[in-house]
C-alpha atoms as a PDB file:
ATOM      1  CA  MET A   1     131.711-120.380-110.010  1.00  0.00           C
ATOM      2  CA  ALA A   2     130.618-119.094-106.619  1.00  0.00           C
ATOM      3  CA  VAL A   3     129.031-121.319-104.005  1.00  0.00           C
ATOM      4  CA  THR A   4     125.233-121.438-103.985  1.00  0.00           C
ATOM      5  CA  SER A   5     122.809-123.548-101.986  1.00  0.00           C
ATOM      6  CA  GLU A   6     122.185-125.536-105.182  1.00  0.00           C
ATOM      7  CA  ASN A   7     125.798-126.535-105.845  1.00  0.00           C
ATOM      8  CA  LEU A   8     126.340-127.161-102.146  1.00  0.00           C
ATOM      9  CA  ASN A   9     123.340-129.493-102.268  1.00  0.00           C
ATOM     10  CA  GLY A  10     125.188-131.561-104.815  1.00  0.00           C
ATOM     11  CA  ALA A  11     128.459-131.421-102.910  1.00  0.00           C
ATOM     12  CA  MET A  12     127.138-132.314 -99.490  1.00  0.00           C
ATOM     13  CA  PRO A  13     126.004-135.842 -98.596  1.00  0.00           C
ATOM     14  CA  GLY A  14     122.475-135.828 -97.266  1.00  0.00           C
ATOM     15  CA  ALA A  15     121.782-132.225 -98.256  1.00  0.00           C
ATOM     16  CA  THR A  16     118.211-131.465 -99.131  1.00  0.00           C
ATOM     17  CA  GLY A  17     116.860-129.986-102.334  1.00  0.00           C
ATOM     18  CA  SER A  18     116.475-126.284-102.932  1.00  0.00           C
ATOM     19  CA  GLY A  19     112.786-126.454-102.050  1.00  0.00           C
ATOM     20  CA  ALA A  20     113.718-127.050 -98.431  1.00  0.00           C
ATOM     21  CA  SER A  21     115.006-123.541 -98.111  1.00  0.00           C
ATOM     22  CA  GLY A  22     111.449-122.326 -97.624  1.00  0.00           C
ATOM     23  CA  HIS A  23     111.882-119.359 -99.956  1.00  0.00           C
ATOM     24  CA  GLY A  24     110.586-119.459-103.504  1.00  0.00           C
ATOM     25  CA  SER A  25     110.174-116.615-105.972  1.00  0.00           C
ATOM     26  CA  TRP A  26     107.626-114.561-103.998  1.00  0.00           C
ATOM     27  CA  GLN A  27     108.824-112.828-100.861  1.00  0.00           C
ATOM     28  CA  PRO A  28     107.132-110.113 -98.803  1.00  0.00           C
ATOM     29  CA  ALA A  29     108.646-106.639 -98.947  1.00  0.00           C
ATOM     30  CA  GLY A  30     109.519-106.891 -95.263  1.00  0.00           C
ATOM     31  CA  PRO A  31     108.673-108.729 -92.062  1.00  0.00           C
ATOM     32  CA  ALA A  32     105.723-106.608 -90.873  1.00  0.00           C
ATOM     33  CA  ILE A  33     102.473-106.919 -92.837  1.00  0.00           C
ATOM     34  CA  LEU A  34      99.523-104.891 -91.576  1.00  0.00           C
ATOM     35  CA  PHE A  35      95.804-105.522 -92.053  1.00  0.00           C
ATOM     36  CA  ALA A  36      93.655-102.508 -92.978  1.00  0.00           C
ATOM     37  CA  PRO A  37      89.848-102.701 -93.185  1.00  0.00           C
ATOM     38  CA  ALA A  38      88.795-102.185 -96.790  1.00  0.00           C
ATOM     39  CA  ASP A  39      85.856-100.062 -95.660  1.00  0.00           C
ATOM     40  CA  ARG A  40      88.187 -97.533 -93.994  1.00  0.00           C
ATOM     41  CA  PRO A  41      89.961 -95.993 -97.015  1.00  0.00           C
ATOM     42  CA  GLU A  42      91.176 -93.083 -94.912  1.00  0.00           C
ATOM     43  CA  ARG A  43      93.521 -95.588 -93.236  1.00  0.00           C
ATOM     44  CA  PHE A  44      95.009 -97.063 -96.420  1.00  0.00           C
ATOM     45  CA  ALA A  45      97.878 -94.627 -96.911  1.00  0.00           C
ATOM     46  CA  LYS A  46      98.836 -94.526 -93.244  1.00  0.00           C
ATOM     47  CA  ALA A  47      98.893 -98.323 -93.030  1.00  0.00           C
ATOM     48  CA  ALA A  48     101.040 -98.551 -96.159  1.00  0.00           C
ATOM     49  CA  GLU A  49     103.402 -95.936 -94.750  1.00  0.00           C
ATOM     50  CA  ARG A  50     103.777 -97.637 -91.379  1.00  0.00           C
ATOM     51  CA  ALA A  51     104.226-101.267 -92.468  1.00  0.00           C
ATOM     52  CA  ASP A  52     106.273-103.133 -95.061  1.00  0.00           C
ATOM     53  CA  MET A  53     103.116-104.349 -96.788  1.00  0.00           C
ATOM     54  CA  VAL A  54      99.419-103.719 -96.275  1.00  0.00           C
ATOM     55  CA  ILE A  55      96.499-106.140 -96.603  1.00  0.00           C
ATOM     56  CA  LEU A  56      93.279-104.442 -97.704  1.00  0.00           C
ATOM     57  CA  ASP A  57      90.714-106.672 -96.049  1.00  0.00           C
ATOM     58  CA  LEU A  58      87.402-107.275 -97.792  1.00  0.00           C
ATOM     59  CA  GLU A  59      86.551-110.280 -95.613  1.00  0.00           C
ATOM     60  CA  ASP A  60      86.455-110.323 -91.812  1.00  0.00           C
ATOM     61  CA  GLY A  61      87.745-106.769 -91.460  1.00  0.00           C
ATOM     62  CA  CYS A  62      84.989-105.272 -93.599  1.00  0.00           C
ATOM     63  CA  ARG A  63      81.307-105.016 -92.712  1.00  0.00           C
ATOM     64  CA  ALA A  64      79.174-106.870 -95.258  1.00  0.00           C
ATOM     65  CA  GLU A  65      77.005-103.857 -96.034  1.00  0.00           C
ATOM     66  CA  ASN A  66      80.125-101.766 -96.709  1.00  0.00           C
ATOM     67  CA  ARG A  67      81.727-104.095 -99.251  1.00  0.00           C
ATOM     68  CA  PRO A  68      80.400-102.428-102.426  1.00  0.00           C
ATOM     69  CA  ALA A  69      81.816 -99.072-101.305  1.00  0.00           C
ATOM     70  CA  ALA A  70      85.018-100.779-100.118  1.00  0.00           C
ATOM     71  CA  ARG A  71      85.558-102.256-103.586  1.00  0.00           C
ATOM     72  CA  ASP A  72      85.202 -98.787-105.080  1.00  0.00           C
ATOM     73  CA  ALA A  73      87.728 -97.492-102.573  1.00  0.00           C
ATOM     74  CA  ILE A  74      90.247-100.139-103.610  1.00  0.00           C
ATOM     75  CA  ARG A  75      89.641 -99.362-107.292  1.00  0.00           C
ATOM     76  CA  ASP A  76      90.290 -95.680-106.641  1.00  0.00           C
ATOM     77  CA  CYS A  77      93.255 -95.918-104.275  1.00  0.00           C
ATOM     78  CA  ASP A  78      96.808 -95.221-105.402  1.00  0.00           C
ATOM     79  CA  LEU A  79      98.670 -97.705-103.213  1.00  0.00           C
ATOM     80  CA  ASP A  80     101.714 -99.433-104.697  1.00  0.00           C
ATOM     81  CA  PRO A  81     100.626-102.839-106.074  1.00  0.00           C
ATOM     82  CA  ALA A  82     104.056-104.238-105.168  1.00  0.00           C
ATOM     83  CA  THR A  83     103.423-103.724-101.456  1.00  0.00           C
ATOM     84  CA  THR A  84      99.654-104.255-101.376  1.00  0.00           C
ATOM     85  CA  ILE A  85      97.741-107.485-100.822  1.00  0.00           C
ATOM     86  CA  VAL A  86      93.973-107.698-101.153  1.00  0.00           C
ATOM     87  CA  ARG A  87      92.151-110.239 -99.006  1.00  0.00           C
ATOM     88  CA  ILE A  88      89.044-111.245-100.901  1.00  0.00           C
ATOM     89  CA  ASN A  89      86.089-113.280 -99.678  1.00  0.00           C
ATOM     90  CA  PRO A  90      86.047-117.104 -99.861  1.00  0.00           C
ATOM     91  CA  PRO A  91      85.034-118.765-103.157  1.00  0.00           C
ATOM     92  CA  GLU A  92      81.797-120.139-101.729  1.00  0.00           C
ATOM     93  CA  THR A  93      80.439-116.693-100.855  1.00  0.00           C
ATOM     94  CA  ASP A  94      78.332-114.320-102.932  1.00  0.00           C
ATOM     95  CA  ASP A  95      80.988-111.606-102.539  1.00  0.00           C
ATOM     96  CA  TYR A  96      83.717-113.637-104.253  1.00  0.00           C
ATOM     97  CA  ALA A  97      82.667-112.867-107.845  1.00  0.00           C
ATOM     98  CA  ALA A  98      82.251-109.164-107.086  1.00  0.00           C
ATOM     99  CA  ASP A  99      85.712-109.074-105.491  1.00  0.00           C
ATOM    100  CA  LEU A 100      87.272-110.623-108.594  1.00  0.00           C
ATOM    101  CA  GLU A 101      85.429-108.234-110.887  1.00  0.00           C
ATOM    102  CA  MET A 102      86.861-105.331-108.905  1.00  0.00           C
ATOM    103  CA  LEU A 103      90.397-106.754-109.007  1.00  0.00           C
ATOM    104  CA  ARG A 104      90.268-107.047-112.798  1.00  0.00           C
ATOM    105  CA  ASP A 105      89.886-103.259-112.894  1.00  0.00           C
ATOM    106  CA  THR A 106      93.037-102.720-110.840  1.00  0.00           C
ATOM    107  CA  GLU A 107      96.740-103.560-110.915  1.00  0.00           C
ATOM    108  CA  PHE A 108      96.529-105.436-107.612  1.00  0.00           C
ATOM    109  CA  ARG A 109      97.631-109.012-108.245  1.00  0.00           C
ATOM    110  CA  GLN A 110      98.768-110.103-104.779  1.00  0.00           C
ATOM    111  CA  VAL A 111      95.620-111.749-103.512  1.00  0.00           C
ATOM    112  CA  MET A 112      94.938-113.466-100.195  1.00  0.00           C
ATOM    113  CA  LEU A 113      92.543-116.401-100.530  1.00  0.00           C
ATOM    114  CA  PRO A 114      90.794-117.063 -97.188  1.00  0.00           C
ATOM    115  CA  LYS A 115      89.550-120.468 -96.074  1.00  0.00           C
ATOM    116  CA  ALA A 116      91.849-122.057 -98.664  1.00  0.00           C
ATOM    117  CA  SER A 117      91.359-125.817 -98.753  1.00  0.00           C
ATOM    118  CA  SER A 118      92.405-127.009-102.224  1.00  0.00           C
ATOM    119  CA  ALA A 119      94.872-126.261-104.981  1.00  0.00           C
ATOM    120  CA  ALA A 120      91.937-126.042-107.391  1.00  0.00           C
ATOM    121  CA  GLN A 121      90.661-122.932-105.595  1.00  0.00           C
ATOM    122  CA  ALA A 122      93.984-121.151-106.119  1.00  0.00           C
ATOM    123  CA  GLU A 123      94.204-122.290-109.738  1.00  0.00           C
ATOM    124  CA  GLU A 124      90.683-121.038-110.439  1.00  0.00           C
ATOM    125  CA  LEU A 125      91.522-117.699-108.830  1.00  0.00           C
ATOM    126  CA  VAL A 126      94.587-117.267-111.041  1.00  0.00           C
ATOM    127  CA  ALA A 127      92.579-118.183-114.138  1.00  0.00           C
ATOM    128  CA  ALA A 128      89.744-115.832-113.168  1.00  0.00           C
ATOM    129  CA  LEU A 129      92.144-112.896-112.989  1.00  0.00           C
ATOM    130  CA  GLY A 130      93.445-113.726-116.442  1.00  0.00           C
ATOM    131  CA  GLY A 131      97.022-114.295-115.426  1.00  0.00           C
ATOM    132  CA  ALA A 132      99.525-117.028-114.795  1.00  0.00           C
ATOM    133  CA  ALA A 133     101.230-117.776-111.516  1.00  0.00           C
ATOM    134  CA  GLN A 134     104.880-117.227-112.367  1.00  0.00           C
ATOM    135  CA  ALA A 135     108.048-115.779-110.968  1.00  0.00           C
ATOM    136  CA  PRO A 136     108.261-111.971-111.195  1.00  0.00           C
ATOM    137  CA  GLU A 137     111.391-112.134-113.369  1.00  0.00           C
ATOM    138  CA  GLN A 138     109.399-114.131-115.945  1.00  0.00           C
ATOM    139  CA  ALA A 139     106.384-111.841-115.896  1.00  0.00           C
ATOM    140  CA  PRO A 140     105.102-109.988-118.935  1.00  0.00           C
ATOM    141  CA  ALA A 141     103.927-106.381-118.756  1.00  0.00           C
ATOM    142  CA  GLN A 142     101.027-107.352-116.480  1.00  0.00           C
ATOM    143  CA  ALA A 143     102.153-108.560-113.094  1.00  0.00           C
ATOM    144  CA  PRO A 144     101.557-112.238-112.369  1.00  0.00           C
ATOM    145  CA  VAL A 145      98.873-113.300-109.939  1.00  0.00           C
ATOM    146  CA  GLN A 146     100.408-114.115-106.562  1.00  0.00           C
ATOM    147  CA  VAL A 147      97.998-116.103-104.394  1.00  0.00           C
ATOM    148  CA  ILE A 148      98.629-116.147-100.651  1.00  0.00           C
ATOM    149  CA  ALA A 149      96.635-119.134 -99.411  1.00  0.00           C
ATOM    150  CA  LEU A 150      95.180-118.482 -95.974  1.00  0.00           C
ATOM    151  CA  VAL A 151      94.977-121.841 -94.209  1.00  0.00           C
ATOM    152  CA  GLU A 152      92.465-121.447 -91.391  1.00  0.00           C
ATOM    153  CA  THR A 153      90.113-124.437 -91.498  1.00  0.00           C
ATOM    154  CA  PRO A 154      90.582-128.041 -90.386  1.00  0.00           C
ATOM    155  CA  LEU A 155      90.394-129.206 -94.011  1.00  0.00           C
ATOM    156  CA  GLY A 156      92.845-126.540 -95.097  1.00  0.00           C
ATOM    157  CA  VAL A 157      95.416-127.674 -92.529  1.00  0.00           C
ATOM    158  CA  LEU A 158      95.027-131.288 -93.631  1.00  0.00           C
ATOM    159  CA  ARG A 159      95.597-130.159 -97.234  1.00  0.00           C
ATOM    160  CA  ALA A 160      98.453-127.750 -96.538  1.00  0.00           C
ATOM    161  CA  GLU A 161     100.869-129.850 -98.574  1.00  0.00           C
ATOM    162  CA  GLU A 162      98.526-129.855-101.582  1.00  0.00           C
ATOM    163  CA  LEU A 163      98.277-126.078-101.396  1.00  0.00           C
ATOM    164  CA  ALA A 164     102.028-125.589-101.013  1.00  0.00           C
ATOM    165  CA  ALA A 165     102.745-127.891-103.949  1.00  0.00           C
ATOM    166  CA  SER A 166     100.508-125.926-106.323  1.00  0.00           C
ATOM    167  CA  ASP A 167     102.171-123.607-108.822  1.00  0.00           C
ATOM    168  CA  ALA A 168      99.193-121.291-108.323  1.00  0.00           C
ATOM    169  CA  VAL A 169     100.145-120.654-104.673  1.00  0.00           C
ATOM    170  CA  ALA A 170     102.901-118.131-103.995  1.00  0.00           C
ATOM    171  CA  ALA A 171     102.857-118.288-100.182  1.00  0.00           C
ATOM    172  CA  LEU A 172     100.982-119.727 -97.218  1.00  0.00           C
ATOM    173  CA  PHE A 173      99.514-117.861 -94.255  1.00  0.00           C
ATOM    174  CA  TRP A 174      97.762-119.529 -91.362  1.00  0.00           C
ATOM    175  CA  GLY A 175      95.058-118.376 -88.976  1.00  0.00           C
ATOM    176  CA  ALA A 176      94.206-119.718 -85.530  1.00  0.00           C
ATOM    177  CA  GLU A 177      90.846-118.232 -84.620  1.00  0.00           C
ATOM    178  CA  ASP A 178      88.784-119.478 -87.568  1.00  0.00           C
ATOM    179  CA  LEU A 179      90.551-122.824 -87.285  1.00  0.00           C
ATOM    180  CA  VAL A 180      89.505-123.282 -83.672  1.00  0.00           C
ATOM    181  CA  ALA A 181      85.989-122.057 -84.418  1.00  0.00           C
ATOM    182  CA  GLY A 182      85.806-124.652 -87.187  1.00  0.00           C
ATOM    183  CA  MET A 183      86.391-127.350 -84.571  1.00  0.00           C
ATOM    184  CA  SER A 184      83.692-125.914 -82.288  1.00  0.00           C
ATOM    185  CA  GLY A 185      86.401-124.568 -80.025  1.00  0.00           C
ATOM    186  CA  THR A 186      86.406-121.265 -78.195  1.00  0.00           C
ATOM    187  CA  SER A 187      90.032-120.203 -77.785  1.00  0.00           C
ATOM    188  CA  SER A 188      93.319-120.805 -79.605  1.00  0.00           C
ATOM    189  CA  ARG A 189      95.528-119.841 -76.649  1.00  0.00           C
ATOM    190  CA  PHE A 190      95.855-120.824 -73.009  1.00  0.00           C
ATOM    191  CA  THR A 191      94.480-118.354 -70.482  1.00  0.00           C
ATOM    192  CA  ALA A 192      96.070-117.073 -67.270  1.00  0.00           C
ATOM    193  CA  PRO A 193      93.695-119.090 -65.028  1.00  0.00           C
ATOM    194  CA  GLU A 194      94.621-122.247 -66.941  1.00  0.00           C
ATOM    195  CA  ALA A 195      98.316-121.487 -66.527  1.00  0.00           C
ATOM    196  CA  GLU A 196      97.801-121.187 -62.775  1.00  0.00           C
ATOM    197  CA  LEU A 197      96.380-124.711 -62.722  1.00  0.00           C
ATOM    198  CA  ALA A 198      99.546-126.165 -64.235  1.00  0.00           C
ATOM    199  CA  PRO A 199     102.443-123.778 -63.585  1.00  0.00           C
ATOM    200  CA  GLY A 200     105.496-124.545 -65.670  1.00  0.00           C
ATOM    201  CA  ARG A 201     103.569-126.799 -68.025  1.00  0.00           C
ATOM    202  CA  ILE A 202     101.030-124.333 -69.392  1.00  0.00           C
ATOM    203  CA  HIS A 203     101.957-120.743 -70.210  1.00  0.00           C
ATOM    204  CA  ALA A 204      99.362-117.994 -70.524  1.00  0.00           C
ATOM    205  CA  GLY A 205      99.119-116.752 -74.104  1.00  0.00           C
ATOM    206  CA  ALA A 206     100.783-119.807 -75.631  1.00  0.00           C
ATOM    207  CA  TYR A 207      98.995-121.613 -78.426  1.00  0.00           C
ATOM    208  CA  ARG A 208      96.941-124.678 -77.572  1.00  0.00           C
ATOM    209  CA  THR A 209      98.268-127.893 -79.052  1.00  0.00           C
ATOM    210  CA  VAL A 210      96.078-128.023 -82.161  1.00  0.00           C
ATOM    211  CA  ALA A 211      96.842-124.418 -83.087  1.00  0.00           C
ATOM    212  CA  ALA A 212     100.569-125.024 -82.559  1.00  0.00           C
ATOM    213  CA  HIS A 213     100.304-128.146 -84.718  1.00  0.00           C
ATOM    214  CA  ALA A 214      98.583-126.170 -87.484  1.00  0.00           C
ATOM    215  CA  ARG A 215     101.292-123.494 -87.366  1.00  0.00           C
ATOM    216  CA  SER A 216     104.001-126.115 -87.723  1.00  0.00           C
ATOM    217  CA  THR A 217     102.147-128.042 -90.422  1.00  0.00           C
ATOM    218  CA  VAL A 218     101.609-124.995 -92.623  1.00  0.00           C
ATOM    219  CA  HIS A 219     105.191-123.801 -92.181  1.00  0.00           C
ATOM    220  CA  LEU A 220     106.636-127.242 -92.920  1.00  0.00           C
ATOM    221  CA  ALA A 221     104.497-127.583 -96.049  1.00  0.00           C
ATOM    222  CA  ALA A 222     105.529-124.163 -97.329  1.00  0.00           C
ATOM    223  CA  SER A 223     109.190-124.827 -96.645  1.00  0.00           C
ATOM    224  CA  ALA A 224     109.108-128.241 -98.296  1.00  0.00           C
ATOM    225  CA  TYR A 225     107.935-126.664-101.551  1.00  0.00           C
ATOM    226  CA  GLY A 226     110.069-123.537-101.454  1.00  0.00           C
ATOM    227  CA  LYS A 227     107.243-121.154-100.603  1.00  0.00           C
ATOM    228  CA  ALA A 228     107.231-118.286 -98.124  1.00  0.00           C
ATOM    229  CA  SER A 229     105.084-118.701 -95.034  1.00  0.00           C
ATOM    230  CA  LEU A 230     103.541-115.886 -93.016  1.00  0.00           C
ATOM    231  CA  ASP A 231     102.921-116.197 -89.298  1.00  0.00           C
ATOM    232  CA  SER A 232      99.532-115.449 -87.800  1.00  0.00           C
ATOM    233  CA  VAL A 233      98.398-112.317 -85.983  1.00  0.00           C
ATOM    234  CA  TYR A 234      98.921-111.647 -82.279  1.00  0.00           C
ATOM    235  CA  VAL A 235      95.592-110.247 -81.164  1.00  0.00           C
ATOM    236  CA  ASP A 236      96.565-108.990 -77.687  1.00  0.00           C
ATOM    237  CA  ILE A 237      97.687-105.543 -78.825  1.00  0.00           C
ATOM    238  CA  ALA A 238      98.725-104.460 -75.333  1.00  0.00           C
ATOM    239  CA  ASP A 239     101.075-107.425 -74.843  1.00  0.00           C
ATOM    240  CA  ALA A 240     104.192-106.186 -76.643  1.00  0.00           C
ATOM    241  CA  ASN A 241     106.410-108.730 -74.895  1.00  0.00           C
ATOM    242  CA  GLY A 242     104.227-111.610 -76.010  1.00  0.00           C
ATOM    243  CA  LEU A 243     104.309-110.356 -79.587  1.00  0.00           C
ATOM    244  CA  ALA A 244     108.079-109.915 -79.431  1.00  0.00           C
ATOM    245  CA  ALA A 245     108.557-113.469 -78.200  1.00  0.00           C
ATOM    246  CA  GLU A 246     106.278-114.924 -80.861  1.00  0.00           C
ATOM    247  CA  ALA A 247     107.810-112.887 -83.701  1.00  0.00           C
ATOM    248  CA  THR A 248     111.320-113.794 -82.534  1.00  0.00           C
ATOM    249  CA  ASP A 249     110.314-117.447 -82.624  1.00  0.00           C
ATOM    250  CA  ALA A 250     108.819-116.998 -86.103  1.00  0.00           C
ATOM    251  CA  ALA A 251     112.008-115.408 -87.413  1.00  0.00           C
ATOM    252  CA  ALA A 252     114.162-118.150 -85.895  1.00  0.00           C
ATOM    253  CA  LEU A 253     111.987-120.801 -87.557  1.00  0.00           C
ATOM    254  CA  GLY A 254     112.222-119.161 -90.972  1.00  0.00           C
ATOM    255  CA  PHE A 255     108.822-117.507 -91.371  1.00  0.00           C
ATOM    256  CA  ALA A 256     109.099-114.761 -93.976  1.00  0.00           C
ATOM    257  CA  ALA A 257     106.939-112.278 -92.066  1.00  0.00           C
ATOM    258  CA  THR A 258     104.426-111.823 -89.275  1.00  0.00           C
ATOM    259  CA  VAL A 259     101.023-110.328 -90.019  1.00  0.00           C
ATOM    260  CA  CYS A 260      99.639-107.772 -87.567  1.00  0.00           C
ATOM    261  CA  ILE A 261      96.407-105.940 -86.826  1.00  0.00           C
ATOM    262  CA  HIS A 262      97.649-102.660 -85.352  1.00  0.00           C
ATOM    263  CA  PRO A 263     100.299-100.142 -86.500  1.00  0.00           C
ATOM    264  CA  GLY A 264     101.779-100.168 -83.007  1.00  0.00           C
ATOM    265  CA  GLN A 265     102.876-103.782 -83.545  1.00  0.00           C
ATOM    266  CA  VAL A 266     105.040-103.039 -86.594  1.00  0.00           C
ATOM    267  CA  ALA A 267     108.168-101.852 -84.768  1.00  0.00           C
ATOM    268  CA  THR A 268     108.115-104.857 -82.440  1.00  0.00           C
ATOM    269  CA  ILE A 269     107.917-107.265 -85.369  1.00  0.00           C
ATOM    270  CA  ARG A 270     110.713-105.548 -87.282  1.00  0.00           C
ATOM    271  CA  ALA A 271     112.965-105.616 -84.236  1.00  0.00           C
ATOM    272  CA  ALA A 272     112.243-109.309 -83.692  1.00  0.00           C
ATOM    273  CA  TYR A 273     113.128-110.213 -87.278  1.00  0.00           C
ATOM    274  CA  ARG A 274     116.254-108.100 -87.488  1.00  0.00           C
ATOM    275  CA  PRO A 275     119.365-110.210 -86.800  1.00  0.00           C
ATOM    276  CA  SER A 276     121.939-109.154 -84.258  1.00  0.00           C
ATOM    277  CA  GLU A 277     125.079-107.358 -85.428  1.00  0.00           C
ATOM    278  CA  LYS A 278     127.049-110.504 -84.610  1.00  0.00           C
ATOM    279  CA  GLU A 279     124.760-112.602 -86.822  1.00  0.00           C
ATOM    280  CA  ILE A 280     124.966-110.073 -89.656  1.00  0.00           C
ATOM    281  CA  ASP A 281     128.757-110.017 -89.450  1.00  0.00           C
ATOM    282  CA  TRP A 282     128.935-113.828 -89.528  1.00  0.00           C
ATOM    283  CA  ALA A 283     126.556-114.099 -92.475  1.00  0.00           C
ATOM    284  CA  THR A 284     128.277-111.324 -94.433  1.00  0.00           C
ATOM    285  CA  ARG A 285     131.698-112.920 -94.013  1.00  0.00           C
ATOM    286  CA  LEU A 286     130.422-116.410 -94.859  1.00  0.00           C
ATOM    287  CA  LEU A 287     128.663-115.249 -98.027  1.00  0.00           C
ATOM    288  CA  ALA A 288     131.735-113.251 -99.083  1.00  0.00           C
ATOM    289  CA  GLU A 289     133.885-116.344 -98.620  1.00  0.00           C
ATOM    290  CA  ALA A 290     131.353-118.449-100.519  1.00  0.00           C
ATOM    291  CA  ALA A 291     131.679-116.107-103.490  1.00  0.00           C
ATOM    292  CA  LYS A 292     135.342-117.125-103.743  1.00  0.00           C
ATOM    293  CA  ASN A 293     134.665-120.871-103.659  1.00  0.00           C
ATOM    294  CA  SER A 294     132.986-123.298-106.039  1.00  0.00           C
ATOM    295  CA  GLY A 295     132.311-126.100-103.580  1.00  0.00           C
ATOM    296  CA  ALA A 296     132.409-127.040 -99.915  1.00  0.00           C
ATOM    297  CA  PHE A 297     134.787-125.030 -97.742  1.00  0.00           C
ATOM    298  CA  SER A 298     135.712-124.432 -94.114  1.00  0.00           C
ATOM    299  CA  PHE A 299     134.652-121.249 -92.339  1.00  0.00           C
ATOM    300  CA  ASP A 300     135.300-120.287 -88.722  1.00  0.00           C
ATOM    301  CA  GLY A 301     136.305-123.872 -88.006  1.00  0.00           C
ATOM    302  CA  ARG A 302     133.158-125.417 -89.538  1.00  0.00           C
ATOM    303  CA  MET A 303     132.504-127.040 -92.866  1.00  0.00           C
ATOM    304  CA  VAL A 304     129.930-125.006 -94.794  1.00  0.00           C
ATOM    305  CA  ASP A 305     127.139-127.263 -96.003  1.00  0.00           C
ATOM    306  CA  ALA A 306     123.852-126.365 -97.665  1.00  0.00           C
ATOM    307  CA  PRO A 307     121.850-125.787 -94.435  1.00  0.00           C
ATOM    308  CA  LEU A 308     124.553-123.507 -93.001  1.00  0.00           C
ATOM    309  CA  PHE A 309     124.759-121.563 -96.267  1.00  0.00           C
ATOM    310  CA  ARG A 310     120.986-121.093 -96.310  1.00  0.00           C
ATOM    311  CA  GLN A 311     121.090-119.842 -92.709  1.00  0.00           C
ATOM    312  CA  ALA A 312     123.550-117.163 -93.822  1.00  0.00           C
ATOM    313  CA  GLU A 313     121.307-116.257 -96.765  1.00  0.00           C
ATOM    314  CA  ALA A 314     118.298-115.994 -94.461  1.00  0.00           C
ATOM    315  CA  ILE A 315     120.151-113.720 -92.034  1.00  0.00           C
ATOM    316  CA  ALA A 316     121.311-111.475 -94.873  1.00  0.00           C
ATOM    317  CA  ARG A 317     117.777-111.313 -96.249  1.00  0.00           C
ATOM    318  CA  ARG A 318     116.305-110.409 -92.842  1.00  0.00           C
ATOM    319  CA  ALA A 319     119.003-107.746 -92.357  1.00  0.00           C
ATOM    320  CA  GLY A 320     118.357-106.123 -95.715  1.00  0.00           C
ATOM    321  CA  VAL A 321     114.593-106.023 -96.227  1.00  0.00           C
ATOM    322  CA  GLY A 322     111.802-103.898 -94.836  1.00  0.00           C
ATOM    323  CA  LYS A 323     111.372-100.213 -94.159  1.00  0.00           C
ATOM    324  CA  GLN A 324     113.521 -98.894 -91.345  1.00  0.00           C
END
């Protein structure tokens, strides 16, 4: 029997359970996920071509008066359901029921739930679409409903663990701007003038403490329950270096992908998530050696435990997914 993270968990004192790997059944098709306004159907195909996945946005990215036509556009589009996510409107809005009615007429079953604040919301969404939240390999002819819970309110952050623990939730995504607005704040990141007031302690463009806390909280909750977590958007489109730094940090922390708002950000995100050739070589050799062993073993002078094995798996996954 080859080594897996599960049998290493049993072999290694103090090793954590498989849920700690942060990767459950649902995974994005690649590290760069691009928003596309649902009321701009002429952009759908180009967005899908440029990014690993596309989010057709019926909420903030769609003008309210355009939503009926946007729903028709989604019904009529021929995008691949496997690489398409639809962001619907929050459950408390009048648009929610119309969004669900539209989805029932399509094959799109990867659904982003904004302002998520309870497991019940995700469970009701799954039930409303007439499907069960289940792993793709267990799915019947109709694809299962995969709910990506968008945590972007103070209550949602406080209930991130509840959301991550729900079988109805496939992945977690977090958002900074609505979160800060929900606290009567005005900005999620430090500004250049603020950085000048405290050089070395405050960095322009870095998240303020509450936003950074929310990012960590959502990612920890997702990882604890074996769910993928998606990192938030970087809104300064012109700042490629800032995006690169943030996406590199996200990849190092184990985020499954970074969501973006402009096609020009896709290449930067992919480059940030792609491991170095040295990392790929190390992971490939470790996993090949693991296939020959049934328990703990030594590799490059180190004992291979469950966390080290999962690092190798994560590197191999990042090296092998996404459009090139």
